[in-house]
Amino acid sequence: MQPVSSRDFLLPVVVAAYFGYTIFHGTSPNIIGPIVIGAVAGFVIGMPGGRIVQVWQDIKTGIIYQRGGWNYAYILLGLIALRVLIYVFLYASKFSLDFNLLNYAFVTMAVGNYLGRNVTVHVRSRLLFA
């Protein structure tokens, strides 16, 4: 259980800035596509995931809280399983892909997922308790 605040957006922005600097600094523009696709896919998957998060307001203090719970943990475990399945499929099919690039795409997918979840939680908290 944690309060809903604008700090929820800080971690994805910092990670994206750091990741963007380290990956795109002096590298080939060919890697941008899979990384952007991973981030957008994560954001799109994270938005409905944010609807699973419980949002409520403490009547005494007026603070709005959020809690992911087991249902949201299942979504995260599903994303990890999806990552493993895609990796195994590409490895078994001898698909010529840089697996470091695939890992970067999955990291950006995780960051996008976290950001999409937070956007949905914030919108829900504003609509429910405005």
Protein backbone atom coordinates (compact mmCIF):
# COMPACT_ATOMS: atom_id res chain seq x y z
CA MET A 1 0.00 0.00 0.00
CA GLN A 2 1.46 3.32 -1.05
CA PRO A 3 0.05 6.78 -1.66
CA VAL A 4 -0.76 7.87 -5.19
CA SER A 5 1.57 10.76 -6.00
CA SER A 6 3.35 12.38 -8.90
CA ARG A 7 6.55 10.69 -7.70
CA ASP A 8 5.18 7.52 -9.31
CA PHE A 9 6.31 8.99 -12.64
CA LEU A 10 9.83 9.76 -11.44
CA LEU A 11 11.28 6.25 -11.68
CA PRO A 12 10.18 5.56 -15.28
CA VAL A 13 11.44 8.95 -16.43
CA VAL A 14 14.83 8.55 -14.74
CA VAL A 15 15.24 5.00 -16.04
CA ALA A 16 14.20 6.04 -19.54
CA ALA A 17 16.63 8.97 -19.53
CA TYR A 18 19.51 6.83 -18.28
CA PHE A 19 18.64 3.99 -20.62
CA GLY A 20 18.25 6.33 -23.56
CA TYR A 21 21.59 7.94 -22.92
CA THR A 22 23.52 4.70 -22.47
CA ILE A 23 21.91 2.89 -25.40
CA PHE A 24 21.61 5.64 -27.98
CA HIS A 25 24.90 7.36 -27.25
CA GLY A 26 27.05 6.46 -30.23
CA THR A 27 25.11 3.39 -31.34
CA SER A 28 23.46 2.44 -34.58
CA PRO A 29 20.01 3.88 -35.34
CA ASN A 30 18.87 0.34 -36.24
CA ILE A 31 18.33 -0.49 -32.57
CA ILE A 32 15.84 2.32 -32.01
CA GLY A 33 12.91 0.46 -33.61
CA PRO A 34 12.80 -2.61 -31.34
CA ILE A 35 13.40 -0.50 -28.25
CA VAL A 36 10.59 1.93 -29.08
CA ILE A 37 8.29 -0.98 -29.96
CA GLY A 38 9.09 -2.57 -26.58
CA ALA A 39 8.34 0.67 -24.72
CA VAL A 40 5.06 1.25 -26.54
CA ALA A 41 3.97 -2.38 -26.11
CA GLY A 42 4.76 -2.19 -22.40
CA PHE A 43 2.79 1.04 -22.03
CA VAL A 44 -0.21 -0.45 -23.84
CA ILE A 45 -0.08 -3.60 -21.69
CA GLY A 46 0.41 -1.55 -18.51
CA MET A 47 -2.66 0.63 -18.99
CA PRO A 48 -5.22 -2.17 -18.50
CA GLY A 49 -2.97 -3.57 -15.78
CA GLY A 50 -3.50 -0.34 -13.87
CA ARG A 51 -7.22 -1.09 -13.69
CA ILE A 52 -6.44 -4.12 -11.53
CA VAL A 53 -4.65 -1.97 -8.94
CA GLN A 54 -6.90 -1.10 -6.01
CA VAL A 55 -7.35 2.63 -5.43
CA TRP A 56 -9.05 4.04 -2.34
CA GLN A 57 -9.10 7.16 -0.21
CA ASP A 58 -8.48 7.24 3.53
CA ILE A 59 -11.45 9.13 4.92
CA LYS A 60 -9.55 10.50 7.92
CA THR A 61 -6.54 11.91 6.07
CA GLY A 62 -7.88 12.28 2.52
CA ILE A 63 -4.80 10.50 1.13
CA ILE A 64 -5.42 8.30 -1.91
CA TYR A 65 -3.70 4.92 -1.74
CA GLN A 66 -2.91 2.21 -4.27
CA ARG A 67 -2.19 -1.48 -3.91
CA GLY A 68 -1.30 -3.89 -6.70
CA GLY A 69 -1.92 -7.17 -4.92
CA TRP A 70 -1.60 -10.66 -6.31
CA ASN A 71 -3.62 -10.00 -9.45
CA TYR A 72 -1.12 -7.41 -10.61
CA ALA A 73 1.75 -9.72 -9.62
CA TYR A 74 0.25 -12.34 -11.94
CA ILE A 75 0.39 -9.85 -14.80
CA LEU A 76 4.07 -9.20 -14.12
CA LEU A 77 4.77 -12.93 -13.95
CA GLY A 78 2.93 -13.32 -17.25
CA LEU A 79 5.18 -10.71 -18.84
CA ILE A 80 8.25 -12.55 -17.58
CA ALA A 81 6.89 -15.82 -18.97
CA LEU A 82 6.18 -14.10 -22.30
CA ARG A 83 9.74 -12.84 -22.39
CA VAL A 84 11.13 -16.33 -21.79
CA LEU A 85 8.84 -17.86 -24.45
CA ILE A 86 9.84 -15.28 -27.06
CA TYR A 87 13.51 -15.77 -26.23
CA VAL A 88 13.23 -19.58 -26.49
CA PHE A 89 11.25 -19.35 -29.73
CA LEU A 90 13.76 -17.02 -31.36
CA TYR A 91 16.70 -19.09 -30.15
CA ALA A 92 15.17 -22.38 -31.34
CA SER A 93 14.21 -20.96 -34.73
CA LYS A 94 17.78 -19.75 -35.33
CA PHE A 95 16.39 -16.29 -35.93
CA SER A 96 19.26 -13.89 -36.48
CA LEU A 97 18.69 -11.31 -33.79
CA ASP A 98 21.00 -9.65 -31.36
CA PHE A 99 19.81 -10.98 -28.01
CA ASN A 100 21.26 -7.96 -26.23
CA LEU A 101 18.92 -5.86 -28.33
CA LEU A 102 16.06 -8.16 -27.35
CA ASN A 103 16.95 -7.68 -23.69
CA TYR A 104 16.98 -3.90 -24.18
CA ALA A 105 13.55 -4.10 -25.79
CA PHE A 106 12.23 -6.11 -22.85
CA VAL A 107 13.69 -3.67 -20.32
CA THR A 108 11.98 -0.79 -22.10
CA MET A 109 8.80 -2.89 -22.15
CA ALA A 110 9.01 -3.21 -18.36
CA VAL A 111 9.53 0.54 -17.96
CA GLY A 112 6.66 1.26 -20.35
CA ASN A 113 4.47 -1.17 -18.42
CA TYR A 114 5.21 0.61 -15.16
CA LEU A 115 4.49 3.99 -16.73
CA GLY A 116 1.22 2.78 -18.32
CA ARG A 117 0.11 1.33 -15.00
CA ASN A 118 0.87 4.60 -13.21
CA VAL A 119 -1.00 6.68 -15.79
CA THR A 120 -4.10 4.52 -15.35
CA VAL A 121 -3.88 4.60 -11.55
CA HIS A 122 -3.53 8.39 -11.54
CA VAL A 123 -6.43 8.90 -13.93
CA ARG A 124 -8.61 6.57 -11.86
CA SER A 125 -7.68 8.31 -8.62
CA ARG A 126 -8.52 11.73 -10.08
CA LEU A 127 -11.84 10.54 -11.51
CA LEU A 128 -12.92 8.68 -8.38
CA PHE A 129 -11.78 11.14 -5.73
CA ALA A 130 -11.69 14.57 -7.38
